[in-house]
Every structure is written in structure tokens, then in C-alpha cells.
Amino acid sequence: MSVSSGVVYAGLCAYLVLDVIKGPEHAHPGEEIKARINTAREHLDRYDFIHVHTKVPDEAGHKKDPLLKKQAVELLDKGLADSLPALMDDRDVVVAVTADHSTP
């Protein structure tokens, strides 16, 4: 399953035969990732694999403003810090936080 937004991820998930839940969108990046992780947590009993994605760092990087990119990553870090502890206590859950590509 994927908690994401955008047609690219919907198409990729269709190709991989993964269900897609449209990720909640928020103006605040930390709240967005927190909401998406909470959505994923609600489905842990139904899926062995859940992909959670946000385009926030990409959008900031495309503006070619390194301070905006830094701020976006810091806000995402805050959202992760708020939402991941509940998952970390579950021995059956593996969490991997990674980027799909860099942004110059």
C-alpha cells in the first residue's frame, strides 16, 4: 500500500499492484507527514508493506532556495519525531526514512 499523492505514484502503485490511499495534504510539512504516517498506522493490520511519501522537499528544492529546502526538511523532521515513536515500539514494524532522489 502507498499513502501518497500524485499521478506518478498512483501509476507506479498500479503497476506494482499496490493499493493507494491519497495522502492527507496540509500547508505545514510536519503536519502532512504526521497525518500520512498516522494513516499508514491505521492500516498496519492489513498490509505487510506501506510506503509513505511526501513531495514537500521536492517542491522546495525546485524553487532553488536552499534555505527553503532546509526549512522543509526541518519541519518534516519535527513531524517524524512526533509520529514515529509509536511505530518504534512495535517489534514487527521496520521503518526506513529515505529520499527518492537528491535536489541540487
PDB file of N, CA and C in Angstrom:
ATOM      1  N   MET A   1       0.842  -1.166   0.000  1.00  0.00           N
ATOM      2  CA  MET A   1       0.000   0.000   0.000  1.00  0.00           C
ATOM      3  C   MET A   1       0.890   1.233   0.000  1.00  0.00           C
ATOM      4  N   SER A   2       0.370   2.304  -0.552  1.00  0.00           N
ATOM      5  CA  SER A   2       1.077   3.576  -0.541  1.00  0.00           C
ATOM      6  C   SER A   2       0.156   4.669  -0.033  1.00  0.00           C
ATOM      7  N   VAL A   3       0.684   5.502   0.856  1.00  0.00           N
ATOM      8  CA  VAL A   3      -0.003   6.720   1.296  1.00  0.00           C
ATOM      9  C   VAL A   3       0.775   7.848   0.630  1.00  0.00           C
ATOM     10  N   SER A   4       0.238   8.335  -0.469  1.00  0.00           N
ATOM     11  CA  SER A   4       0.948   9.310  -1.282  1.00  0.00           C
ATOM     12  C   SER A   4      -0.064  10.130  -2.063  1.00  0.00           C
ATOM     13  N   SER A   5       0.461  11.028  -2.877  1.00  0.00           N
ATOM     14  CA  SER A   5      -0.401  11.796  -3.761  1.00  0.00           C
ATOM     15  C   SER A   5       0.329  11.999  -5.078  1.00  0.00           C
ATOM     16  N   GLY A   6      -0.395  12.253  -6.100  1.00  0.00           N
ATOM     17  CA  GLY A   6       0.202  12.467  -7.408  1.00  0.00           C
ATOM     18  C   GLY A   6      -0.007  11.283  -8.320  1.00  0.00           C
ATOM     19  N   VAL A   7      -0.114  11.583  -9.606  1.00  0.00           N
ATOM     20  CA  VAL A   7      -0.403  10.540 -10.587  1.00  0.00           C
ATOM     21  C   VAL A   7       0.774   9.597 -10.800  1.00  0.00           C
ATOM     22  N   VAL A   8       1.996  10.075 -10.617  1.00  0.00           N
ATOM     23  CA  VAL A   8       3.157   9.198 -10.789  1.00  0.00           C
ATOM     24  C   VAL A   8       3.099   8.048  -9.795  1.00  0.00           C
ATOM     25  N   TYR A   9       2.803   8.350  -8.550  1.00  0.00           N
ATOM     26  CA  TYR A   9       2.755   7.299  -7.526  1.00  0.00           C
ATOM     27  C   TYR A   9       1.539   6.402  -7.714  1.00  0.00           C
ATOM     28  N   ALA A  10       0.429   6.962  -8.155  1.00  0.00           N
ATOM     29  CA  ALA A  10      -0.743   6.136  -8.437  1.00  0.00           C
ATOM     30  C   ALA A  10      -0.433   5.154  -9.570  1.00  0.00           C
ATOM     31  N   GLY A  11       0.233   5.636 -10.615  1.00  0.00           N
ATOM     32  CA  GLY A  11       0.592   4.763 -11.735  1.00  0.00           C
ATOM     33  C   GLY A  11       1.604   3.708 -11.342  1.00  0.00           C
ATOM     34  N   LEU A  12       2.613   4.099 -10.584  1.00  0.00           N
ATOM     35  CA  LEU A  12       3.625   3.150 -10.123  1.00  0.00           C
ATOM     36  C   LEU A  12       2.985   2.073  -9.253  1.00  0.00           C
ATOM     37  N   CYS A  13       2.094   2.490  -8.363  1.00  0.00           N
ATOM     38  CA  CYS A  13       1.419   1.525  -7.490  1.00  0.00           C
ATOM     39  C   CYS A  13       0.516   0.592  -8.292  1.00  0.00           C
ATOM     40  N   ALA A  14      -0.145   1.117  -9.322  1.00  0.00           N
ATOM     41  CA  ALA A  14      -0.978   0.261 -10.168  1.00  0.00           C
ATOM     42  C   ALA A  14      -0.109  -0.800 -10.841  1.00  0.00           C
ATOM     43  N   TYR A  15       1.064  -0.385 -11.323  1.00  0.00           N
ATOM     44  CA  TYR A  15       1.989  -1.324 -11.969  1.00  0.00           C
ATOM     45  C   TYR A  15       2.477  -2.387 -10.986  1.00  0.00           C
ATOM     46  N   LEU A  16       2.742  -1.985  -9.747  1.00  0.00           N
ATOM     47  CA  LEU A  16       3.243  -2.907  -8.721  1.00  0.00           C
ATOM     48  C   LEU A  16       2.132  -3.635  -7.981  1.00  0.00           C
ATOM     49  N   VAL A  17       0.897  -3.378  -8.331  1.00  0.00           N
ATOM     50  CA  VAL A  17      -0.282  -3.967  -7.702  1.00  0.00           C
ATOM     51  C   VAL A  17      -0.314  -3.619  -6.212  1.00  0.00           C
ATOM     52  N   LEU A  18      -0.128  -2.347  -5.918  1.00  0.00           N
ATOM     53  CA  LEU A  18      -0.251  -1.827  -4.556  1.00  0.00           C
ATOM     54  C   LEU A  18      -1.480  -0.945  -4.471  1.00  0.00           C
ATOM     55  N   ASP A  19      -2.226  -1.065  -3.386  1.00  0.00           N
ATOM     56  CA  ASP A  19      -3.331  -0.150  -3.145  1.00  0.00           C
ATOM     57  C   ASP A  19      -2.764   1.236  -2.845  1.00  0.00           C
ATOM     58  N   VAL A  20      -3.542   2.263  -3.157  1.00  0.00           N
ATOM     59  CA  VAL A  20      -3.127   3.640  -2.894  1.00  0.00           C
ATOM     60  C   VAL A  20      -4.209   4.320  -2.071  1.00  0.00           C
ATOM     61  N   ILE A  21      -3.781   4.991  -1.034  1.00  0.00           N
ATOM     62  CA  ILE A  21      -4.655   5.875  -0.274  1.00  0.00           C
ATOM     63  C   ILE A  21      -4.100   7.270  -0.475  1.00  0.00           C
ATOM     64  N   LYS A  22      -4.932   8.179  -0.951  1.00  0.00           N
ATOM     65  CA  LYS A  22      -4.462   9.545  -1.164  1.00  0.00           C
ATOM     66  C   LYS A  22      -4.061  10.133   0.174  1.00  0.00           C
ATOM     67  N   GLY A  23      -2.809  10.555   0.244  1.00  0.00           N
ATOM     68  CA  GLY A  23      -2.275  11.106   1.482  1.00  0.00           C
ATOM     69  C   GLY A  23      -2.894  12.438   1.827  1.00  0.00           C
ATOM     70  N   PRO A  24      -3.207  12.656   3.097  1.00  0.00           N
ATOM     71  CA  PRO A  24      -3.718  13.948   3.515  1.00  0.00           C
ATOM     72  C   PRO A  24      -2.705  15.044   3.174  1.00  0.00           C
ATOM     73  N   GLU A  25      -3.188  16.176   2.713  1.00  0.00           N
ATOM     74  CA  GLU A  25      -2.311  17.296   2.382  1.00  0.00           C
ATOM     75  C   GLU A  25      -2.553  18.434   3.360  1.00  0.00           C
ATOM     76  N   HIS A  26      -1.463  19.032   3.815  1.00  0.00           N
ATOM     77  CA  HIS A  26      -1.521  20.142   4.762  1.00  0.00           C
ATOM     78  C   HIS A  26      -0.544  21.216   4.314  1.00  0.00           C
ATOM     79  N   ALA A  27      -0.805  22.440   4.692  1.00  0.00           N
ATOM     80  CA  ALA A  27       0.113  23.538   4.391  1.00  0.00           C
ATOM     81  C   ALA A  27       1.415  23.399   5.172  1.00  0.00           C
ATOM     82  N   HIS A  28       1.357  22.773   6.345  1.00  0.00           N
ATOM     83  CA  HIS A  28       2.528  22.604   7.196  1.00  0.00           C
ATOM     84  C   HIS A  28       3.138  21.224   6.926  1.00  0.00           C
ATOM     85  N   PRO A  29       4.392  21.163   6.432  1.00  0.00           N
ATOM     86  CA  PRO A  29       5.003  19.876   6.092  1.00  0.00           C
ATOM     87  C   PRO A  29       5.035  18.862   7.238  1.00  0.00           C
ATOM     88  N   GLY A  30       5.315  19.310   8.447  1.00  0.00           N
ATOM     89  CA  GLY A  30       5.350  18.397   9.580  1.00  0.00           C
ATOM     90  C   GLY A  30       3.999  17.764   9.854  1.00  0.00           C
ATOM     91  N   GLU A  31       2.960  18.559   9.733  1.00  0.00           N
ATOM     92  CA  GLU A  31       1.606  18.028   9.936  1.00  0.00           C
ATOM     93  C   GLU A  31       1.222  17.072   8.817  1.00  0.00           C
ATOM     94  N   GLU A  32       1.672  17.360   7.605  1.00  0.00           N
ATOM     95  CA  GLU A  32       1.362  16.481   6.483  1.00  0.00           C
ATOM     96  C   GLU A  32       1.986  15.100   6.677  1.00  0.00           C
ATOM     97  N   ILE A  33       3.283  15.055   6.991  1.00  0.00           N
ATOM     98  CA  ILE A  33       3.922  13.744   7.153  1.00  0.00           C
ATOM     99  C   ILE A  33       3.358  13.011   8.361  1.00  0.00           C
ATOM    100  N   LYS A  34       3.042  13.747   9.409  1.00  0.00           N
ATOM    101  CA  LYS A  34       2.442  13.123  10.593  1.00  0.00           C
ATOM    102  C   LYS A  34       1.085  12.504  10.234  1.00  0.00           C
ATOM    103  N   ALA A  35       0.273  13.224   9.480  1.00  0.00           N
ATOM    104  CA  ALA A  35      -1.039  12.702   9.080  1.00  0.00           C
ATOM    105  C   ALA A  35      -0.891  11.480   8.183  1.00  0.00           C
ATOM    106  N   ARG A  36       0.095  11.508   7.293  1.00  0.00           N
ATOM    107  CA  ARG A  36       0.295  10.365   6.402  1.00  0.00           C
ATOM    108  C   ARG A  36       0.783   9.138   7.175  1.00  0.00           C
ATOM    109  N   ILE A  37       1.668   9.346   8.131  1.00  0.00           N
ATOM    110  CA  ILE A  37       2.134   8.224   8.950  1.00  0.00           C
ATOM    111  C   ILE A  37       0.991   7.683   9.799  1.00  0.00           C
ATOM    112  N   ASN A  38       0.168   8.552  10.327  1.00  0.00           N
ATOM    113  CA  ASN A  38      -0.991   8.090  11.101  1.00  0.00           C
ATOM    114  C   ASN A  38      -1.954   7.304  10.229  1.00  0.00           C
ATOM    115  N   THR A  39      -2.125   7.729   8.973  1.00  0.00           N
ATOM    116  CA  THR A  39      -2.959   6.968   8.037  1.00  0.00           C
ATOM    117  C   THR A  39      -2.353   5.582   7.822  1.00  0.00           C
ATOM    118  N   ALA A  40      -1.051   5.527   7.652  1.00  0.00           N
ATOM    119  CA  ALA A  40      -0.378   4.232   7.478  1.00  0.00           C
ATOM    120  C   ALA A  40      -0.574   3.357   8.714  1.00  0.00           C
ATOM    121  N   ARG A  41      -0.445   3.943   9.894  1.00  0.00           N
ATOM    122  CA  ARG A  41      -0.614   3.169  11.140  1.00  0.00           C
ATOM    123  C   ARG A  41      -1.988   2.540  11.221  1.00  0.00           C
ATOM    124  N   GLU A  42      -2.998   3.217  10.707  1.00  0.00           N
ATOM    125  CA  GLU A  42      -4.364   2.689  10.739  1.00  0.00           C
ATOM    126  C   GLU A  42      -4.509   1.435   9.882  1.00  0.00           C
ATOM    127  N   HIS A  43      -3.562   1.198   8.979  1.00  0.00           N
ATOM    128  CA  HIS A  43      -3.657   0.067   8.052  1.00  0.00           C
ATOM    129  C   HIS A  43      -2.596  -1.013   8.286  1.00  0.00           C
ATOM    130  N   LEU A  44      -1.866  -0.915   9.380  1.00  0.00           N
ATOM    131  CA  LEU A  44      -0.814  -1.892   9.655  1.00  0.00           C
ATOM    132  C   LEU A  44      -1.333  -3.316   9.744  1.00  0.00           C
ATOM    133  N   ASP A  45      -2.558  -3.491  10.174  1.00  0.00           N
ATOM    134  CA  ASP A  45      -3.096  -4.844  10.321  1.00  0.00           C
ATOM    135  C   ASP A  45      -3.486  -5.470   8.984  1.00  0.00           C
ATOM    136  N   ARG A  46      -3.542  -4.651   7.920  1.00  0.00           N
ATOM    137  CA  ARG A  46      -3.982  -5.164   6.617  1.00  0.00           C
ATOM    138  C   ARG A  46      -2.865  -5.310   5.593  1.00  0.00           C
ATOM    139  N   TYR A  47      -1.714  -4.690   5.831  1.00  0.00           N
ATOM    140  CA  TYR A  47      -0.650  -4.679   4.824  1.00  0.00           C
ATOM    141  C   TYR A  47       0.699  -5.056   5.438  1.00  0.00           C
ATOM    142  N   ASP A  48       1.492  -5.785   4.666  1.00  0.00           N
ATOM    143  CA  ASP A  48       2.852  -6.133   5.082  1.00  0.00           C
ATOM    144  C   ASP A  48       3.849  -5.032   4.731  1.00  0.00           C
ATOM    145  N   PHE A  49       3.505  -4.200   3.760  1.00  0.00           N
ATOM    146  CA  PHE A  49       4.381  -3.136   3.296  1.00  0.00           C
ATOM    147  C   PHE A  49       3.551  -1.870   3.090  1.00  0.00           C
ATOM    148  N   ILE A  50       4.017  -0.769   3.661  1.00  0.00           N
ATOM    149  CA  ILE A  50       3.334   0.520   3.465  1.00  0.00           C
ATOM    150  C   ILE A  50       4.383   1.565   3.132  1.00  0.00           C
ATOM    151  N   HIS A  51       4.197   2.208   1.994  1.00  0.00           N
ATOM    152  CA  HIS A  51       5.062   3.282   1.509  1.00  0.00           C
ATOM    153  C   HIS A  51       4.372   4.608   1.836  1.00  0.00           C
ATOM    154  N   VAL A  52       5.097   5.511   2.470  1.00  0.00           N
ATOM    155  CA  VAL A  52       4.559   6.847   2.789  1.00  0.00           C
ATOM    156  C   VAL A  52       5.437   7.858   2.069  1.00  0.00           C
ATOM    157  N   HIS A  53       4.831   8.760   1.321  1.00  0.00           N
ATOM    158  CA  HIS A  53       5.602   9.706   0.515  1.00  0.00           C
ATOM    159  C   HIS A  53       5.053  11.120   0.667  1.00  0.00           C
ATOM    160  N   THR A  54       5.969  12.074   0.627  1.00  0.00           N
ATOM    161  CA  THR A  54       5.594  13.491   0.563  1.00  0.00           C
ATOM    162  C   THR A  54       6.464  14.170  -0.479  1.00  0.00           C
ATOM    163  N   LYS A  55       5.907  15.121  -1.198  1.00  0.00           N
ATOM    164  CA  LYS A  55       6.652  15.863  -2.204  1.00  0.00           C
ATOM    165  C   LYS A  55       7.214  17.171  -1.655  1.00  0.00           C
ATOM    166  N   VAL A  56       7.046  17.422  -0.376  1.00  0.00           N
ATOM    167  CA  VAL A  56       7.462  18.697   0.223  1.00  0.00           C
ATOM    168  C   VAL A  56       8.923  19.045  -0.071  1.00  0.00           C
ATOM    169  N   PRO A  57       9.886  18.151   0.152  1.00  0.00           N
ATOM    170  CA  PRO A  57      11.272  18.542  -0.130  1.00  0.00           C
ATOM    171  C   PRO A  57      11.530  18.781  -1.619  1.00  0.00           C
ATOM    172  N   ASP A  58      10.848  18.009  -2.482  1.00  0.00           N
ATOM    173  CA  ASP A  58      10.994  18.227  -3.926  1.00  0.00           C
ATOM    174  C   ASP A  58      10.517  19.615  -4.323  1.00  0.00           C
ATOM    175  N   GLU A  59       9.344  19.965  -3.847  1.00  0.00           N
ATOM    176  CA  GLU A  59       8.773  21.264  -4.202  1.00  0.00           C
ATOM    177  C   GLU A  59       9.662  22.403  -3.719  1.00  0.00           C
ATOM    178  N   ALA A  60      10.220  22.276  -2.525  1.00  0.00           N
ATOM    179  CA  ALA A  60      11.123  23.306  -2.006  1.00  0.00           C
ATOM    180  C   ALA A  60      12.409  23.342  -2.829  1.00  0.00           C
ATOM    181  N   GLY A  61      12.936  22.189  -3.202  1.00  0.00           N
ATOM    182  CA  GLY A  61      14.169  22.127  -3.979  1.00  0.00           C
ATOM    183  C   GLY A  61      14.026  22.711  -5.370  1.00  0.00           C
ATOM    184  N   HIS A  62      12.855  22.535  -5.978  1.00  0.00           N
ATOM    185  CA  HIS A  62      12.636  23.069  -7.325  1.00  0.00           C
ATOM    186  C   HIS A  62      12.635  24.598  -7.345  1.00  0.00           C
ATOM    187  N   LYS A  63      12.435  25.198  -6.206  1.00  0.00           N
ATOM    188  CA  LYS A  63      12.459  26.671  -6.132  1.00  0.00           C
ATOM    189  C   LYS A  63      13.886  27.199  -6.037  1.00  0.00           C
ATOM    190  N   LYS A  64      14.841  26.264  -5.957  1.00  0.00           N
ATOM    191  CA  LYS A  64      16.271  26.603  -5.921  1.00  0.00           C
ATOM    192  C   LYS A  64      16.623  27.553  -4.774  1.00  0.00           C
ATOM    193  N   ASP A  65      15.966  27.347  -3.656  1.00  0.00           N
ATOM    194  CA  ASP A  65      16.205  28.158  -2.460  1.00  0.00           C
ATOM    195  C   ASP A  65      16.670  27.210  -1.359  1.00  0.00           C
ATOM    196  N   PRO A  66      17.993  27.150  -1.099  1.00  0.00           N
ATOM    197  CA  PRO A  66      18.485  26.188  -0.115  1.00  0.00           C
ATOM    198  C   PRO A  66      17.931  26.393   1.285  1.00  0.00           C
ATOM    199  N   LEU A  67      17.630  27.623   1.649  1.00  0.00           N
ATOM    200  CA  LEU A  67      17.065  27.862   2.988  1.00  0.00           C
ATOM    201  C   LEU A  67      15.639  27.332   3.083  1.00  0.00           C
ATOM    202  N   LEU A  68      14.886  27.436   1.982  1.00  0.00           N
ATOM    203  CA  LEU A  68      13.529  26.884   1.964  1.00  0.00           C
ATOM    204  C   LEU A  68      13.583  25.356   2.045  1.00  0.00           C
ATOM    205  N   LYS A  69      14.531  24.747   1.334  1.00  0.00           N
ATOM    206  CA  LYS A  69      14.702  23.288   1.390  1.00  0.00           C
ATOM    207  C   LYS A  69      15.080  22.861   2.810  1.00  0.00           C
ATOM    208  N   LYS A  70      15.995  23.599   3.434  1.00  0.00           N
ATOM    209  CA  LYS A  70      16.410  23.304   4.804  1.00  0.00           C
ATOM    210  C   LYS A  70      15.205  23.389   5.744  1.00  0.00           C
ATOM    211  N   GLN A  71      14.409  24.427   5.593  1.00  0.00           N
ATOM    212  CA  GLN A  71      13.230  24.594   6.445  1.00  0.00           C
ATOM    213  C   GLN A  71      12.240  23.444   6.229  1.00  0.00           C
ATOM    214  N   ALA A  72      12.038  23.041   4.980  1.00  0.00           N
ATOM    215  CA  ALA A  72      11.110  21.944   4.687  1.00  0.00           C
ATOM    216  C   ALA A  72      11.567  20.657   5.359  1.00  0.00           C
ATOM    217  N   VAL A  73      12.864  20.360   5.270  1.00  0.00           N
ATOM    218  CA  VAL A  73      13.396  19.141   5.877  1.00  0.00           C
ATOM    219  C   VAL A  73      13.282  19.208   7.401  1.00  0.00           C
ATOM    220  N   GLU A  74      13.563  20.368   7.981  1.00  0.00           N
ATOM    221  CA  GLU A  74      13.443  20.513   9.438  1.00  0.00           C
ATOM    222  C   GLU A  74      12.000  20.319   9.898  1.00  0.00           C
ATOM    223  N   LEU A  75      11.038  20.839   9.134  1.00  0.00           N
ATOM    224  CA  LEU A  75       9.631  20.666   9.502  1.00  0.00           C
ATOM    225  C   LEU A  75       9.199  19.206   9.364  1.00  0.00           C
ATOM    226  N   LEU A  76       9.709  18.537   8.327  1.00  0.00           N
ATOM    227  CA  LEU A  76       9.425  17.106   8.186  1.00  0.00           C
ATOM    228  C   LEU A  76      10.038  16.313   9.332  1.00  0.00           C
ATOM    229  N   ASP A  77      11.256  16.678   9.718  1.00  0.00           N
ATOM    230  CA  ASP A  77      11.898  16.014  10.865  1.00  0.00           C
ATOM    231  C   ASP A  77      11.041  16.136  12.120  1.00  0.00           C
ATOM    232  N   LYS A  78      10.465  17.306  12.338  1.00  0.00           N
ATOM    233  CA  LYS A  78       9.594  17.523  13.509  1.00  0.00           C
ATOM    234  C   LYS A  78       8.372  16.611  13.424  1.00  0.00           C
ATOM    235  N   GLY A  79       7.760  16.541  12.243  1.00  0.00           N
ATOM    236  CA  GLY A  79       6.599  15.659  12.070  1.00  0.00           C
ATOM    237  C   GLY A  79       6.952  14.201  12.282  1.00  0.00           C
ATOM    238  N   LEU A  80       8.138  13.795  11.816  1.00  0.00           N
ATOM    239  CA  LEU A  80       8.587  12.415  12.036  1.00  0.00           C
ATOM    240  C   LEU A  80       8.815  12.157  13.517  1.00  0.00           C
ATOM    241  N   ALA A  81       9.442  13.112  14.194  1.00  0.00           N
ATOM    242  CA  ALA A  81       9.706  12.960  15.632  1.00  0.00           C
ATOM    243  C   ALA A  81       8.407  12.824  16.417  1.00  0.00           C
ATOM    244  N   ASP A  82       7.361  13.490  15.953  1.00  0.00           N
ATOM    245  CA  ASP A  82       6.068  13.426  16.641  1.00  0.00           C
ATOM    246  C   ASP A  82       5.318  12.131  16.363  1.00  0.00           C
ATOM    247  N   SER A  83       5.538  11.528  15.193  1.00  0.00           N
ATOM    248  CA  SER A  83       4.696  10.392  14.799  1.00  0.00           C
ATOM    249  C   SER A  83       5.393   9.036  14.831  1.00  0.00           C
ATOM    250  N   LEU A  84       6.703   8.993  14.773  1.00  0.00           N
ATOM    251  CA  LEU A  84       7.384   7.703  14.703  1.00  0.00           C
ATOM    252  C   LEU A  84       7.519   6.939  16.019  1.00  0.00           C
ATOM    253  N   PRO A  85       7.585   7.599  17.180  1.00  0.00           N
ATOM    254  CA  PRO A  85       7.770   6.814  18.407  1.00  0.00           C
ATOM    255  C   PRO A  85       6.759   5.690  18.597  1.00  0.00           C
ATOM    256  N   ALA A  86       5.520   5.893  18.238  1.00  0.00           N
ATOM    257  CA  ALA A  86       4.522   4.832  18.399  1.00  0.00           C
ATOM    258  C   ALA A  86       4.852   3.627  17.523  1.00  0.00           C
ATOM    259  N   LEU A  87       5.430   3.867  16.356  1.00  0.00           N
ATOM    260  CA  LEU A  87       5.824   2.761  15.479  1.00  0.00           C
ATOM    261  C   LEU A  87       7.085   2.063  15.979  1.00  0.00           C
ATOM    262  N   MET A  88       7.966   2.810  16.586  1.00  0.00           N
ATOM    263  CA  MET A  88       9.248   2.261  17.022  1.00  0.00           C
ATOM    264  C   MET A  88       9.076   1.234  18.144  1.00  0.00           C
ATOM    265  N   ASP A  89       7.979   1.305  18.855  1.00  0.00           N
ATOM    266  CA  ASP A  89       7.722   0.355  19.933  1.00  0.00           C
ATOM    267  C   ASP A  89       7.186  -0.985  19.424  1.00  0.00           C
ATOM    268  N   ASP A  90       6.794  -1.032  18.152  1.00  0.00           N
ATOM    269  CA  ASP A  90       6.234  -2.244  17.562  1.00  0.00           C
ATOM    270  C   ASP A  90       7.369  -3.054  16.927  1.00  0.00           C
ATOM    271  N   ARG A  91       7.695  -4.191  17.494  1.00  0.00           N
ATOM    272  CA  ARG A  91       8.820  -5.005  17.020  1.00  0.00           C
ATOM    273  C   ARG A  91       8.574  -5.589  15.633  1.00  0.00           C
ATOM    274  N   ASP A  92       7.332  -5.581  15.168  1.00  0.00           N
ATOM    275  CA  ASP A  92       7.005  -6.127  13.852  1.00  0.00           C
ATOM    276  C   ASP A  92       7.099  -5.076  12.742  1.00  0.00           C
ATOM    277  N   VAL A  93       7.426  -3.849  13.105  1.00  0.00           N
ATOM    278  CA  VAL A  93       7.480  -2.761  12.125  1.00  0.00           C
ATOM    279  C   VAL A  93       8.928  -2.343  11.895  1.00  0.00           C
ATOM    280  N   VAL A  94       9.291  -2.254  10.628  1.00  0.00           N
ATOM    281  CA  VAL A  94      10.593  -1.717  10.228  1.00  0.00           C
ATOM    282  C   VAL A  94      10.326  -0.380   9.552  1.00  0.00           C
ATOM    283  N   VAL A  95      10.998   0.660  10.017  1.00  0.00           N
ATOM    284  CA  VAL A  95      10.831   1.998   9.452  1.00  0.00           C
ATOM    285  C   VAL A  95      12.107   2.377   8.721  1.00  0.00           C
ATOM    286  N   ALA A  96      11.980   2.781   7.478  1.00  0.00           N
ATOM    287  CA  ALA A  96      13.114   3.276   6.696  1.00  0.00           C
ATOM    288  C   ALA A  96      12.747   4.659   6.185  1.00  0.00           C
ATOM    289  N   VAL A  97      13.560   5.646   6.505  1.00  0.00           N
ATOM    290  CA  VAL A  97      13.338   7.007   6.035  1.00  0.00           C
ATOM    291  C   VAL A  97      14.421   7.290   5.010  1.00  0.00           C
ATOM    292  N   THR A  98      14.001   7.606   3.799  1.00  0.00           N
ATOM    293  CA  THR A  98      14.956   7.799   2.710  1.00  0.00           C
ATOM    294  C   THR A  98      14.416   8.798   1.701  1.00  0.00           C
ATOM    295  N   ALA A  99      15.287   9.255   0.838  1.00  0.00           N
ATOM    296  CA  ALA A  99      14.885  10.145  -0.260  1.00  0.00           C
ATOM    297  C   ALA A  99      14.812   9.328  -1.551  1.00  0.00           C
ATOM    298  N   ASP A 100      13.940   9.741  -2.454  1.00  0.00           N
ATOM    299  CA  ASP A 100      13.890   9.048  -3.750  1.00  0.00           C
ATOM    300  C   ASP A 100      14.885   9.646  -4.731  1.00  0.00           C
ATOM    301  N   HIS A 101      15.390  10.846  -4.444  1.00  0.00           N
ATOM    302  CA  HIS A 101      16.452  11.470  -5.227  1.00  0.00           C
ATOM    303  C   HIS A 101      16.916  12.720  -4.504  1.00  0.00           C
ATOM    304  N   SER A 102      18.076  13.213  -4.900  1.00  0.00           N
ATOM    305  CA  SER A 102      18.567  14.456  -4.294  1.00  0.00           C
ATOM    306  C   SER A 102      18.066  15.647  -5.113  1.00  0.00           C
ATOM    307  N   THR A 103      18.159  16.804  -4.526  1.00  0.00           N
ATOM    308  CA  THR A 103      17.820  18.027  -5.219  1.00  0.00           C
ATOM    309  C   THR A 103      19.000  18.979  -5.085  1.00  0.00           C
ATOM    310  N   PRO A 104      19.599  19.376  -6.202  1.00  0.00           N
ATOM    311  CA  PRO A 104      20.760  20.289  -6.079  1.00  0.00           C
ATOM    312  C   PRO A 104      20.385  21.619  -5.466  1.00  0.00           C
TER     313      PRO A 104
END
